[in-house]
């Protein structure tokens, strides 16, 4: 039998540091995925990510298990510059190399990591689920 807990505010064990549950729900990541693009694109760990599609070298589409309410959500990403150095960038076009998140939709987002398949990649999405 499933149960339901309804509360407006959460507090720590001592009864201090309260926070509204709406703040927790609204500010929590709704999608995140950590993946590799080297050899074959593969999810290492994730939340609300059903699959990855290798579109071309350096370009991967993440598909969400549950759709976002609209495509105006906040999204950030990370990639390392290449398969070996471990250096990386957060959602930026570093030295014209071209990295970013594009093709934002309610059920997918595309991660682009220059013109190479990177070993370490991340996407995080915050917003309202449908």
Foldseek 3Di string as FASTA:
>chain_A
DDDDDDDQWDAPPVRDDIDGVCCVQQFDWQWKFKWFPPPHIDTPDIHQWDDWDCPAFQKIKTFGNFFFPWQPWDKKKKFALAAPDRHIDIQDCPPNQDWHWDPGTRTMIMTGRRRHTTGIMMMTIGGHTD
